[in-house]
Amino acid sequence: MRSLLIIGSSLIILMANHSSVLAQIRQPTNAELRRLRQEFQQVIKSTINNSVSASYIQDRRTQNEKNNRKSFVNAWSKVEPKLAPFMGVWSGYESSKHIYPSNIRGRVCVIWTGDGSGSMDTGVFSNGFIKTSRGEVLFKEGNYLGSALLKNGKFIRNYDIPFNSPRPLGSLTKLLEYMYDAQAEKITVSQKFQAAGCTNSTKVNR
């Protein structure tokens, strides 16, 4: 019983720390957001028009994957209408963004995987984009997802090829398979995943 109380207290502290961090992170001004979106649209166009890079954003999803992801988004739209459109596995150049819903209202879990490693942050919706606990900004245009990080007081794009064509979310076990080269990161992501109430279920536990 004592161990359960300790674990429960630790999770509460962790969530409180995440909320505090999110509140302190500066978000883009409207002018900065317009610039990021305009730049993102230009990158999408130039990627599509480039015979080499266009292959990286080709939509290779099956119709079943599209339908399953759409059903998942529709289910979560009933309780998280602003966050639900971001949910799914977004593929980029040799990396992916896995955006999971959370059973904690107003929150998503953002997991990056690439090069056999991975990391996780939580995020909230703000002014049309997702703001994560490490200061990343995620914004979407249709089936494309862009990101930016605050560096030296300025938001800089954090992608070469736009993340695109969101697929259905897998289980935590399946997600950890992408992190085949990073045992420590696996443990950290798994702990954060559970503490943040992340889920790939369409059943909302609130």
N, C-alpha and C. Protein backbone atom coordinates (compact mmCIF):
# COMPACT_ATOMS: atom_id res chain seq x y z
N MET A 1 0.83 -1.20 0.00
CA MET A 1 0.00 0.00 0.00
C MET A 1 0.87 1.26 0.00
N ARG A 2 1.96 1.23 0.82
CA ARG A 2 2.84 2.38 0.88
C ARG A 2 3.50 2.65 -0.47
N SER A 3 3.90 1.57 -1.16
CA SER A 3 4.54 1.75 -2.47
C SER A 3 3.58 2.37 -3.47
N LEU A 4 2.30 1.99 -3.39
CA LEU A 4 1.30 2.56 -4.29
C LEU A 4 1.11 4.05 -4.02
N LEU A 5 1.15 4.41 -2.74
CA LEU A 5 1.01 5.81 -2.38
C LEU A 5 2.19 6.63 -2.88
N ILE A 6 3.39 6.04 -2.80
CA ILE A 6 4.58 6.73 -3.27
C ILE A 6 4.52 6.94 -4.78
N ILE A 7 4.11 5.88 -5.51
CA ILE A 7 3.98 5.99 -6.97
C ILE A 7 2.95 7.04 -7.34
N GLY A 8 1.79 7.01 -6.62
CA GLY A 8 0.73 7.98 -6.90
C GLY A 8 1.19 9.40 -6.66
N SER A 9 1.93 9.62 -5.57
CA SER A 9 2.44 10.95 -5.25
C SER A 9 3.44 11.41 -6.30
N SER A 10 4.28 10.49 -6.77
CA SER A 10 5.28 10.81 -7.79
C SER A 10 4.61 11.25 -9.08
N LEU A 11 3.54 10.55 -9.46
CA LEU A 11 2.82 10.90 -10.69
C LEU A 11 2.18 12.27 -10.59
N ILE A 12 1.62 12.56 -9.41
CA ILE A 12 0.99 13.87 -9.21
C ILE A 12 2.02 14.98 -9.34
N ILE A 13 3.19 14.76 -8.73
CA ILE A 13 4.27 15.76 -8.80
C ILE A 13 4.74 15.94 -10.24
N LEU A 14 4.88 14.81 -10.96
CA LEU A 14 5.31 14.87 -12.36
C LEU A 14 4.34 15.67 -13.21
N MET A 15 3.04 15.42 -13.02
CA MET A 15 2.04 16.14 -13.80
C MET A 15 2.02 17.62 -13.45
N ALA A 16 2.21 17.92 -12.17
CA ALA A 16 2.23 19.32 -11.75
C ALA A 16 3.43 20.05 -12.37
N ASN A 17 4.57 19.37 -12.42
CA ASN A 17 5.76 19.95 -13.03
C ASN A 17 5.55 20.21 -14.51
N HIS A 18 4.90 19.25 -15.21
CA HIS A 18 4.62 19.44 -16.63
C HIS A 18 3.73 20.65 -16.85
N SER A 19 2.70 20.80 -16.02
CA SER A 19 1.78 21.92 -16.15
C SER A 19 2.50 23.24 -15.92
N SER A 20 3.41 23.25 -14.93
CA SER A 20 4.17 24.45 -14.63
C SER A 20 5.08 24.83 -15.79
N VAL A 21 5.74 23.82 -16.37
CA VAL A 21 6.64 24.07 -17.50
C VAL A 21 5.87 24.62 -18.69
N LEU A 22 4.74 24.00 -18.99
CA LEU A 22 3.94 24.44 -20.14
C LEU A 22 3.48 25.88 -19.97
N ALA A 23 3.15 26.26 -18.75
CA ALA A 23 2.66 27.62 -18.51
C ALA A 23 3.76 28.65 -18.70
N GLN A 24 5.03 28.26 -18.47
CA GLN A 24 6.15 29.20 -18.54
C GLN A 24 6.72 29.37 -19.95
N ILE A 25 6.47 28.43 -20.84
CA ILE A 25 7.06 28.48 -22.17
C ILE A 25 6.42 29.57 -23.01
N ARG A 26 7.27 30.40 -23.63
CA ARG A 26 6.74 31.44 -24.49
C ARG A 26 6.18 30.83 -25.76
N GLN A 27 5.02 31.28 -26.16
CA GLN A 27 4.45 30.79 -27.39
C GLN A 27 4.61 31.83 -28.49
N PRO A 28 4.47 31.41 -29.75
CA PRO A 28 4.65 32.36 -30.86
C PRO A 28 3.61 33.47 -30.83
N THR A 29 4.03 34.65 -31.22
CA THR A 29 3.07 35.72 -31.43
C THR A 29 2.29 35.42 -32.71
N ASN A 30 1.23 36.16 -32.95
CA ASN A 30 0.46 35.95 -34.17
C ASN A 30 1.33 36.17 -35.41
N ALA A 31 2.21 37.16 -35.34
CA ALA A 31 3.10 37.45 -36.48
C ALA A 31 4.08 36.30 -36.69
N GLU A 32 4.62 35.75 -35.61
CA GLU A 32 5.55 34.63 -35.72
C GLU A 32 4.84 33.40 -36.28
N LEU A 33 3.62 33.19 -35.83
CA LEU A 33 2.86 32.03 -36.30
C LEU A 33 2.55 32.15 -37.78
N ARG A 34 2.20 33.35 -38.23
CA ARG A 34 1.95 33.56 -39.66
C ARG A 34 3.20 33.25 -40.47
N ARG A 35 4.35 33.71 -39.97
CA ARG A 35 5.62 33.45 -40.66
C ARG A 35 5.92 31.96 -40.74
N LEU A 36 5.71 31.26 -39.62
CA LEU A 36 5.97 29.82 -39.59
C LEU A 36 5.06 29.07 -40.56
N ARG A 37 3.80 29.47 -40.60
CA ARG A 37 2.85 28.81 -41.50
C ARG A 37 3.18 29.09 -42.96
N GLN A 38 3.53 30.34 -43.26
CA GLN A 38 3.89 30.70 -44.64
C GLN A 38 5.14 29.93 -45.08
N GLU A 39 6.10 29.84 -44.20
CA GLU A 39 7.31 29.09 -44.49
C GLU A 39 7.00 27.62 -44.69
N PHE A 40 6.10 27.09 -43.87
CA PHE A 40 5.70 25.70 -43.95
C PHE A 40 5.02 25.41 -45.29
N GLN A 41 4.13 26.30 -45.70
CA GLN A 41 3.45 26.12 -46.98
C GLN A 41 4.44 26.14 -48.14
N GLN A 42 5.45 27.00 -48.04
CA GLN A 42 6.48 27.07 -49.09
C GLN A 42 7.30 25.79 -49.14
N VAL A 43 7.63 25.24 -47.95
CA VAL A 43 8.40 24.00 -47.90
C VAL A 43 7.59 22.85 -48.50
N ILE A 44 6.30 22.81 -48.21
CA ILE A 44 5.43 21.76 -48.76
C ILE A 44 5.45 21.83 -50.29
N LYS A 45 5.27 23.04 -50.83
CA LYS A 45 5.25 23.21 -52.29
C LYS A 45 6.57 22.82 -52.93
N SER A 46 7.67 23.27 -52.33
CA SER A 46 8.97 22.97 -52.91
C SER A 46 9.28 21.48 -52.81
N THR A 47 8.82 20.84 -51.74
CA THR A 47 9.03 19.40 -51.58
C THR A 47 8.26 18.61 -52.63
N ILE A 48 7.02 19.01 -52.86
CA ILE A 48 6.17 18.35 -53.85
C ILE A 48 6.76 18.51 -55.25
N ASN A 49 7.32 19.67 -55.53
CA ASN A 49 7.83 19.97 -56.87
C ASN A 49 9.24 19.43 -57.13
N ASN A 50 9.86 18.88 -56.08
CA ASN A 50 11.20 18.32 -56.23
C ASN A 50 11.08 16.82 -56.46
N SER A 51 11.61 16.34 -57.57
CA SER A 51 11.43 14.93 -57.95
C SER A 51 12.03 13.97 -56.93
N VAL A 52 13.05 14.41 -56.21
CA VAL A 52 13.70 13.54 -55.22
C VAL A 52 12.94 13.55 -53.90
N SER A 53 12.71 14.75 -53.35
CA SER A 53 12.07 14.85 -52.04
C SER A 53 10.59 14.50 -52.07
N ALA A 54 9.95 14.61 -53.25
CA ALA A 54 8.52 14.32 -53.33
C ALA A 54 8.19 12.90 -52.89
N SER A 55 9.12 11.98 -53.09
CA SER A 55 8.86 10.59 -52.71
C SER A 55 8.72 10.43 -51.20
N TYR A 56 9.34 11.34 -50.44
CA TYR A 56 9.28 11.25 -48.97
C TYR A 56 7.92 11.64 -48.41
N ILE A 57 7.13 12.39 -49.17
CA ILE A 57 5.82 12.79 -48.67
C ILE A 57 4.69 12.15 -49.49
N GLN A 58 5.02 11.14 -50.25
CA GLN A 58 3.99 10.42 -50.99
C GLN A 58 3.10 9.66 -50.01
N ASP A 59 1.81 9.79 -50.18
CA ASP A 59 0.85 9.14 -49.28
C ASP A 59 0.76 7.66 -49.63
N ARG A 60 1.36 6.82 -48.79
CA ARG A 60 1.38 5.38 -49.03
C ARG A 60 0.41 4.63 -48.11
N ARG A 61 -0.48 5.34 -47.47
CA ARG A 61 -1.43 4.69 -46.57
C ARG A 61 -2.44 3.85 -47.34
N THR A 62 -2.83 2.75 -46.74
CA THR A 62 -3.92 1.96 -47.32
C THR A 62 -5.24 2.63 -46.97
N GLN A 63 -6.28 2.27 -47.66
CA GLN A 63 -7.59 2.84 -47.35
C GLN A 63 -8.03 2.45 -45.95
N ASN A 64 -7.65 1.25 -45.53
CA ASN A 64 -7.99 0.80 -44.18
C ASN A 64 -7.31 1.67 -43.12
N GLU A 65 -6.04 2.03 -43.36
CA GLU A 65 -5.32 2.90 -42.42
C GLU A 65 -5.98 4.28 -42.36
N LYS A 66 -6.38 4.79 -43.51
CA LYS A 66 -7.04 6.09 -43.53
C LYS A 66 -8.36 6.04 -42.76
N ASN A 67 -9.12 4.98 -42.99
CA ASN A 67 -10.42 4.85 -42.33
C ASN A 67 -10.28 4.70 -40.83
N ASN A 68 -9.30 3.88 -40.40
CA ASN A 68 -9.10 3.65 -38.96
C ASN A 68 -8.66 4.93 -38.25
N ARG A 69 -7.76 5.66 -38.89
CA ARG A 69 -7.31 6.90 -38.28
C ARG A 69 -8.44 7.92 -38.22
N LYS A 70 -9.25 7.99 -39.27
CA LYS A 70 -10.38 8.92 -39.29
C LYS A 70 -11.39 8.58 -38.21
N SER A 71 -11.66 7.31 -38.02
CA SER A 71 -12.59 6.87 -36.97
C SER A 71 -12.07 7.25 -35.59
N PHE A 72 -10.76 7.09 -35.40
CA PHE A 72 -10.14 7.43 -34.12
C PHE A 72 -10.27 8.93 -33.84
N VAL A 73 -9.96 9.75 -34.85
CA VAL A 73 -10.06 11.20 -34.70
C VAL A 73 -11.50 11.62 -34.43
N ASN A 74 -12.44 11.00 -35.14
CA ASN A 74 -13.86 11.33 -34.93
C ASN A 74 -14.30 11.02 -33.51
N ALA A 75 -13.81 9.90 -32.98
CA ALA A 75 -14.20 9.50 -31.62
C ALA A 75 -13.67 10.51 -30.59
N TRP A 76 -12.41 10.93 -30.75
CA TRP A 76 -11.83 11.86 -29.79
C TRP A 76 -12.29 13.30 -30.01
N SER A 77 -12.81 13.59 -31.20
CA SER A 77 -13.32 14.94 -31.47
C SER A 77 -14.50 15.30 -30.57
N LYS A 78 -15.16 14.29 -30.05
CA LYS A 78 -16.32 14.53 -29.18
C LYS A 78 -15.90 15.16 -27.86
N VAL A 79 -14.66 14.90 -27.41
CA VAL A 79 -14.19 15.45 -26.13
C VAL A 79 -13.00 16.40 -26.30
N GLU A 80 -12.25 16.25 -27.40
CA GLU A 80 -11.09 17.11 -27.66
C GLU A 80 -11.13 17.59 -29.12
N PRO A 81 -12.12 18.41 -29.47
CA PRO A 81 -12.29 18.82 -30.88
C PRO A 81 -11.10 19.56 -31.47
N LYS A 82 -10.34 20.28 -30.67
CA LYS A 82 -9.20 21.04 -31.19
C LYS A 82 -7.94 20.19 -31.31
N LEU A 83 -7.78 19.24 -30.40
CA LEU A 83 -6.59 18.40 -30.40
C LEU A 83 -6.71 17.18 -31.30
N ALA A 84 -7.92 16.67 -31.46
CA ALA A 84 -8.13 15.41 -32.20
C ALA A 84 -7.53 15.41 -33.61
N PRO A 85 -7.62 16.51 -34.39
CA PRO A 85 -7.06 16.48 -35.75
C PRO A 85 -5.55 16.23 -35.81
N PHE A 86 -4.86 16.45 -34.69
CA PHE A 86 -3.42 16.23 -34.65
C PHE A 86 -3.06 14.78 -34.34
N MET A 87 -4.00 13.99 -33.87
CA MET A 87 -3.71 12.65 -33.39
C MET A 87 -3.39 11.68 -34.52
N GLY A 88 -2.36 10.86 -34.30
CA GLY A 88 -1.96 9.89 -35.30
C GLY A 88 -0.45 9.78 -35.35
N VAL A 89 0.05 8.93 -36.24
CA VAL A 89 1.48 8.76 -36.45
C VAL A 89 1.86 9.49 -37.73
N TRP A 90 2.62 10.56 -37.58
CA TRP A 90 3.02 11.39 -38.71
C TRP A 90 4.44 11.02 -39.13
N SER A 91 4.63 10.67 -40.39
CA SER A 91 5.93 10.23 -40.88
C SER A 91 6.71 11.40 -41.47
N GLY A 92 8.02 11.45 -41.15
CA GLY A 92 8.91 12.45 -41.71
C GLY A 92 10.10 11.76 -42.36
N TYR A 93 11.18 12.48 -42.51
CA TYR A 93 12.38 11.90 -43.09
C TYR A 93 13.14 11.12 -42.02
N GLU A 94 13.00 9.79 -42.06
CA GLU A 94 13.67 8.89 -41.12
C GLU A 94 13.29 9.16 -39.67
N SER A 95 12.12 9.73 -39.43
CA SER A 95 11.63 9.94 -38.07
C SER A 95 10.12 10.09 -38.11
N SER A 96 9.49 9.99 -36.95
CA SER A 96 8.03 10.07 -36.86
C SER A 96 7.60 10.82 -35.61
N LYS A 97 6.43 11.42 -35.69
CA LYS A 97 5.77 12.02 -34.54
C LYS A 97 4.52 11.21 -34.24
N HIS A 98 4.45 10.67 -33.02
CA HIS A 98 3.29 9.91 -32.58
C HIS A 98 2.52 10.79 -31.61
N ILE A 99 1.34 11.24 -32.01
CA ILE A 99 0.57 12.14 -31.15
C ILE A 99 -0.64 11.39 -30.60
N TYR A 100 -0.55 11.06 -29.31
CA TYR A 100 -1.57 10.29 -28.61
C TYR A 100 -2.49 11.20 -27.79
N PRO A 101 -3.75 10.81 -27.66
CA PRO A 101 -4.62 11.52 -26.72
C PRO A 101 -4.22 11.13 -25.30
N SER A 102 -4.69 11.92 -24.35
CA SER A 102 -4.47 11.63 -22.94
C SER A 102 -5.82 11.61 -22.23
N ASN A 103 -5.89 10.80 -21.19
CA ASN A 103 -7.11 10.79 -20.38
C ASN A 103 -7.17 11.99 -19.45
N ILE A 104 -6.14 12.85 -19.51
CA ILE A 104 -6.16 14.12 -18.79
C ILE A 104 -6.67 15.18 -19.76
N ARG A 105 -7.71 15.85 -19.42
CA ARG A 105 -8.37 16.78 -20.33
C ARG A 105 -7.42 17.86 -20.85
N GLY A 106 -7.53 18.14 -22.15
CA GLY A 106 -6.77 19.23 -22.75
C GLY A 106 -5.32 18.92 -23.05
N ARG A 107 -4.94 17.63 -23.00
CA ARG A 107 -3.54 17.27 -23.15
C ARG A 107 -3.36 16.19 -24.21
N VAL A 108 -2.22 16.24 -24.91
CA VAL A 108 -1.82 15.14 -25.79
C VAL A 108 -0.40 14.72 -25.41
N CYS A 109 -0.01 13.55 -25.86
CA CYS A 109 1.33 13.03 -25.64
C CYS A 109 2.03 13.00 -26.99
N VAL A 110 3.15 13.67 -27.10
CA VAL A 110 3.89 13.79 -28.37
C VAL A 110 5.19 13.01 -28.25
N ILE A 111 5.31 11.95 -29.04
CA ILE A 111 6.49 11.08 -28.97
C ILE A 111 7.21 11.11 -30.30
N TRP A 112 8.49 11.43 -30.24
CA TRP A 112 9.35 11.42 -31.43
C TRP A 112 10.13 10.12 -31.46
N THR A 113 10.19 9.48 -32.63
CA THR A 113 11.05 8.31 -32.81
C THR A 113 11.87 8.49 -34.08
N GLY A 114 13.11 8.02 -34.03
CA GLY A 114 14.00 8.11 -35.17
C GLY A 114 15.38 7.59 -34.83
N ASP A 115 16.04 7.00 -35.78
CA ASP A 115 17.39 6.47 -35.57
C ASP A 115 17.46 5.50 -34.41
N GLY A 116 16.38 4.74 -34.20
CA GLY A 116 16.37 3.73 -33.15
C GLY A 116 16.20 4.28 -31.76
N SER A 117 15.90 5.58 -31.64
CA SER A 117 15.75 6.22 -30.34
C SER A 117 14.38 6.89 -30.25
N GLY A 118 14.17 7.66 -29.19
CA GLY A 118 12.89 8.35 -29.04
C GLY A 118 12.83 9.19 -27.79
N SER A 119 11.83 10.06 -27.72
CA SER A 119 11.61 10.90 -26.55
C SER A 119 10.14 11.31 -26.51
N MET A 120 9.69 11.75 -25.35
CA MET A 120 8.28 12.10 -25.19
C MET A 120 8.11 13.42 -24.46
N ASP A 121 7.12 14.19 -24.92
CA ASP A 121 6.69 15.42 -24.26
C ASP A 121 5.17 15.41 -24.19
N THR A 122 4.63 16.24 -23.33
CA THR A 122 3.19 16.46 -23.34
C THR A 122 2.92 17.78 -24.05
N GLY A 123 1.69 17.97 -24.52
CA GLY A 123 1.37 19.18 -25.23
C GLY A 123 -0.05 19.63 -24.98
N VAL A 124 -0.30 20.92 -25.19
CA VAL A 124 -1.63 21.50 -25.06
C VAL A 124 -1.93 22.33 -26.30
N PHE A 125 -3.20 22.56 -26.57
CA PHE A 125 -3.61 23.35 -27.72
C PHE A 125 -3.58 24.83 -27.35
N SER A 126 -3.06 25.64 -28.27
CA SER A 126 -2.99 27.08 -28.03
C SER A 126 -2.97 27.83 -29.34
N ASN A 127 -3.98 28.64 -29.59
CA ASN A 127 -4.00 29.54 -30.75
C ASN A 127 -3.79 28.83 -32.08
N GLY A 128 -4.36 27.63 -32.20
CA GLY A 128 -4.29 26.91 -33.47
C GLY A 128 -3.15 25.94 -33.60
N PHE A 129 -2.30 25.81 -32.58
CA PHE A 129 -1.18 24.89 -32.64
C PHE A 129 -1.04 24.13 -31.32
N ILE A 130 -0.14 23.15 -31.29
CA ILE A 130 0.17 22.43 -30.06
C ILE A 130 1.49 22.95 -29.51
N LYS A 131 1.51 23.28 -28.24
CA LYS A 131 2.71 23.73 -27.54
C LYS A 131 3.15 22.61 -26.61
N THR A 132 4.39 22.13 -26.77
CA THR A 132 4.84 21.00 -25.96
C THR A 132 5.67 21.46 -24.76
N SER A 133 5.92 20.51 -23.87
CA SER A 133 6.64 20.82 -22.63
C SER A 133 8.10 21.14 -22.85
N ARG A 134 8.64 20.92 -24.04
CA ARG A 134 10.03 21.31 -24.30
C ARG A 134 10.11 22.55 -25.20
N GLY A 135 8.97 23.18 -25.41
CA GLY A 135 8.96 24.42 -26.18
C GLY A 135 8.75 24.24 -27.67
N GLU A 136 8.43 23.03 -28.10
CA GLU A 136 8.18 22.80 -29.53
C GLU A 136 6.78 23.26 -29.87
N VAL A 137 6.63 23.76 -31.09
CA VAL A 137 5.33 24.18 -31.61
C VAL A 137 4.99 23.29 -32.80
N LEU A 138 3.81 22.69 -32.78
CA LEU A 138 3.34 21.83 -33.86
C LEU A 138 2.11 22.45 -34.51
N PHE A 139 2.13 22.54 -35.84
CA PHE A 139 0.99 23.10 -36.57
C PHE A 139 0.77 22.27 -37.82
N LYS A 140 -0.47 22.24 -38.31
CA LYS A 140 -0.78 21.38 -39.44
C LYS A 140 -1.44 22.14 -40.58
N GLU A 141 -1.23 21.61 -41.76
CA GLU A 141 -1.90 22.07 -42.98
C GLU A 141 -2.38 20.82 -43.70
N GLY A 142 -3.67 20.50 -43.56
CA GLY A 142 -4.18 19.29 -44.17
C GLY A 142 -3.48 18.06 -43.64
N ASN A 143 -2.86 17.28 -44.54
CA ASN A 143 -2.17 16.06 -44.14
C ASN A 143 -0.68 16.28 -43.88
N TYR A 144 -0.31 17.52 -43.58
CA TYR A 144 1.09 17.84 -43.31
C TYR A 144 1.22 18.46 -41.92
N LEU A 145 2.29 18.08 -41.23
CA LEU A 145 2.56 18.59 -39.88
C LEU A 145 3.94 19.24 -39.84
N GLY A 146 3.98 20.47 -39.35
CA GLY A 146 5.25 21.18 -39.22
C GLY A 146 5.58 21.41 -37.76
N SER A 147 6.84 21.74 -37.48
CA SER A 147 7.24 22.00 -36.10
C SER A 147 8.30 23.08 -36.05
N ALA A 148 8.39 23.73 -34.91
CA ALA A 148 9.39 24.77 -34.70
C ALA A 148 9.81 24.76 -33.24
N LEU A 149 11.05 25.17 -32.99
CA LEU A 149 11.59 25.26 -31.64
C LEU A 149 12.09 26.68 -31.38
N LEU A 150 11.98 27.10 -30.14
CA LEU A 150 12.46 28.42 -29.75
C LEU A 150 13.97 28.36 -29.50
N LYS A 151 14.74 29.08 -30.32
CA LYS A 151 16.20 29.10 -30.18
C LYS A 151 16.68 30.54 -30.23
N ASN A 152 17.39 30.94 -29.18
CA ASN A 152 17.92 32.31 -29.09
C ASN A 152 16.82 33.35 -29.29
N GLY A 153 15.67 33.06 -28.71
CA GLY A 153 14.57 34.01 -28.73
C GLY A 153 13.75 34.01 -30.00
N LYS A 154 14.06 33.11 -30.95
CA LYS A 154 13.34 33.07 -32.21
C LYS A 154 12.88 31.65 -32.52
N PHE A 155 11.66 31.52 -33.05
CA PHE A 155 11.14 30.21 -33.42
C PHE A 155 11.71 29.80 -34.79
N ILE A 156 12.40 28.66 -34.79
CA ILE A 156 13.05 28.15 -35.99
C ILE A 156 12.42 26.82 -36.38
N ARG A 157 12.18 26.62 -37.67
CA ARG A 157 11.56 25.36 -38.09
C ARG A 157 12.45 24.18 -37.75
N ASN A 158 11.79 23.11 -37.34
CA ASN A 158 12.49 21.94 -36.82
C ASN A 158 12.22 20.71 -37.68
N TYR A 159 12.32 20.86 -39.00
CA TYR A 159 12.06 19.76 -39.92
C TYR A 159 12.73 20.08 -41.25
N ASP A 160 13.05 19.05 -41.99
CA ASP A 160 13.52 19.21 -43.36
C ASP A 160 12.41 18.84 -44.33
N ILE A 161 11.85 17.66 -44.09
CA ILE A 161 10.69 17.18 -44.86
C ILE A 161 9.47 17.24 -43.95
N PRO A 162 8.37 17.84 -44.38
CA PRO A 162 7.18 17.91 -43.53
C PRO A 162 6.70 16.52 -43.10
N PHE A 163 6.33 16.39 -41.83
CA PHE A 163 5.68 15.16 -41.39
C PHE A 163 4.33 15.10 -42.11
N ASN A 164 3.91 13.89 -42.47
CA ASN A 164 2.73 13.82 -43.33
C ASN A 164 1.97 12.50 -43.18
N SER A 165 0.81 12.45 -43.82
CA SER A 165 0.00 11.23 -43.99
C SER A 165 -0.18 10.45 -42.69
N PRO A 166 -0.90 11.01 -41.72
CA PRO A 166 -1.03 10.37 -40.41
C PRO A 166 -1.71 9.00 -40.47
N ARG A 167 -1.07 8.04 -39.79
CA ARG A 167 -1.59 6.68 -39.69
C ARG A 167 -2.20 6.45 -38.32
N PRO A 168 -2.91 5.34 -38.14
CA PRO A 168 -3.49 5.04 -36.82
C PRO A 168 -2.40 4.83 -35.78
N LEU A 169 -2.70 5.16 -34.54
CA LEU A 169 -1.76 4.98 -33.45
C LEU A 169 -1.69 3.52 -33.02
N GLY A 170 -0.48 3.06 -32.72
CA GLY A 170 -0.31 1.71 -32.22
C GLY A 170 -0.26 1.69 -30.70
N SER A 171 -0.09 0.53 -30.13
CA SER A 171 0.04 0.37 -28.69
C SER A 171 1.40 0.87 -28.23
N LEU A 172 1.56 1.03 -26.93
CA LEU A 172 2.85 1.43 -26.38
C LEU A 172 3.92 0.40 -26.73
N THR A 173 3.56 -0.88 -26.66
CA THR A 173 4.51 -1.95 -26.98
C THR A 173 5.02 -1.81 -28.42
N LYS A 174 4.10 -1.53 -29.35
CA LYS A 174 4.49 -1.37 -30.75
C LYS A 174 5.36 -0.13 -30.92
N LEU A 175 5.01 0.94 -30.23
CA LEU A 175 5.79 2.17 -30.31
C LEU A 175 7.22 1.94 -29.86
N LEU A 176 7.41 1.22 -28.77
CA LEU A 176 8.74 1.01 -28.22
C LEU A 176 9.63 0.18 -29.15
N GLU A 177 9.01 -0.55 -30.08
CA GLU A 177 9.79 -1.31 -31.04
C GLU A 177 10.62 -0.40 -31.95
N TYR A 178 10.15 0.84 -32.15
CA TYR A 178 10.90 1.80 -32.97
C TYR A 178 12.19 2.22 -32.26
N MET A 179 12.23 2.05 -30.94
CA MET A 179 13.35 2.52 -30.15
C MET A 179 14.28 1.34 -29.82
N TYR A 180 14.67 0.62 -30.84
CA TYR A 180 15.45 -0.62 -30.68
C TYR A 180 16.88 -0.37 -30.20
N ASP A 181 17.34 0.85 -30.28
CA ASP A 181 18.74 1.15 -29.96
C ASP A 181 18.88 1.97 -28.68
N ALA A 182 17.81 2.06 -27.88
CA ALA A 182 17.85 2.98 -26.74
C ALA A 182 17.03 2.44 -25.57
N GLN A 183 17.62 1.55 -24.80
CA GLN A 183 16.90 0.92 -23.70
C GLN A 183 16.51 1.93 -22.62
N ALA A 184 17.42 2.84 -22.29
CA ALA A 184 17.11 3.84 -21.26
C ALA A 184 15.95 4.73 -21.68
N GLU A 185 15.95 5.15 -22.95
CA GLU A 185 14.87 5.99 -23.46
C GLU A 185 13.54 5.22 -23.47
N LYS A 186 13.60 3.93 -23.75
CA LYS A 186 12.39 3.11 -23.70
C LYS A 186 11.74 3.18 -22.33
N ILE A 187 12.56 3.01 -21.30
CA ILE A 187 12.04 3.03 -19.93
C ILE A 187 11.45 4.40 -19.61
N THR A 188 12.16 5.45 -19.98
CA THR A 188 11.69 6.81 -19.70
C THR A 188 10.38 7.10 -20.41
N VAL A 189 10.30 6.77 -21.70
CA VAL A 189 9.07 7.01 -22.46
C VAL A 189 7.92 6.20 -21.88
N SER A 190 8.17 4.96 -21.53
CA SER A 190 7.13 4.10 -20.96
C SER A 190 6.58 4.70 -19.66
N GLN A 191 7.47 5.18 -18.79
CA GLN A 191 7.05 5.77 -17.53
C GLN A 191 6.25 7.05 -17.76
N LYS A 192 6.74 7.90 -18.67
CA LYS A 192 6.04 9.15 -18.97
C LYS A 192 4.68 8.88 -19.61
N PHE A 193 4.64 7.88 -20.47
CA PHE A 193 3.41 7.50 -21.17
C PHE A 193 2.32 7.17 -20.16
N GLN A 194 2.68 6.34 -19.18
CA GLN A 194 1.71 5.92 -18.16
C GLN A 194 1.33 7.10 -17.27
N ALA A 195 2.33 7.88 -16.86
CA ALA A 195 2.06 9.00 -15.94
C ALA A 195 1.18 10.07 -16.57
N ALA A 196 1.32 10.27 -17.88
CA ALA A 196 0.56 11.32 -18.57
C ALA A 196 -0.81 10.84 -19.04
N GLY A 197 -1.16 9.58 -18.74
CA GLY A 197 -2.47 9.07 -19.13
C GLY A 197 -2.63 8.87 -20.62
N CYS A 198 -1.52 8.64 -21.33
CA CYS A 198 -1.59 8.44 -22.78
C CYS A 198 -2.36 7.17 -23.11
N THR A 199 -3.03 7.17 -24.25
CA THR A 199 -3.80 6.01 -24.65
C THR A 199 -3.96 5.95 -26.17
N ASN A 200 -4.16 4.74 -26.69
CA ASN A 200 -4.49 4.60 -28.10
C ASN A 200 -5.89 4.04 -28.26
N SER A 201 -6.67 4.15 -27.19
CA SER A 201 -8.05 3.65 -27.19
C SER A 201 -9.03 4.74 -27.62
N THR A 202 -10.11 4.33 -28.22
CA THR A 202 -11.17 5.29 -28.57
C THR A 202 -12.11 5.51 -27.39
N LYS A 203 -11.92 4.73 -26.33
CA LYS A 203 -12.76 4.88 -25.12
C LYS A 203 -12.14 5.91 -24.21
N VAL A 204 -12.86 6.97 -23.97
CA VAL A 204 -12.37 8.07 -23.14
C VAL A 204 -12.59 7.74 -21.68
N ASN A 205 -11.51 7.69 -20.91
CA ASN A 205 -11.59 7.32 -19.50
C ASN A 205 -11.51 8.56 -18.64
N ARG A 206 -12.67 9.26 -18.55
CA ARG A 206 -12.72 10.51 -17.75
C ARG A 206 -13.96 10.52 -16.88
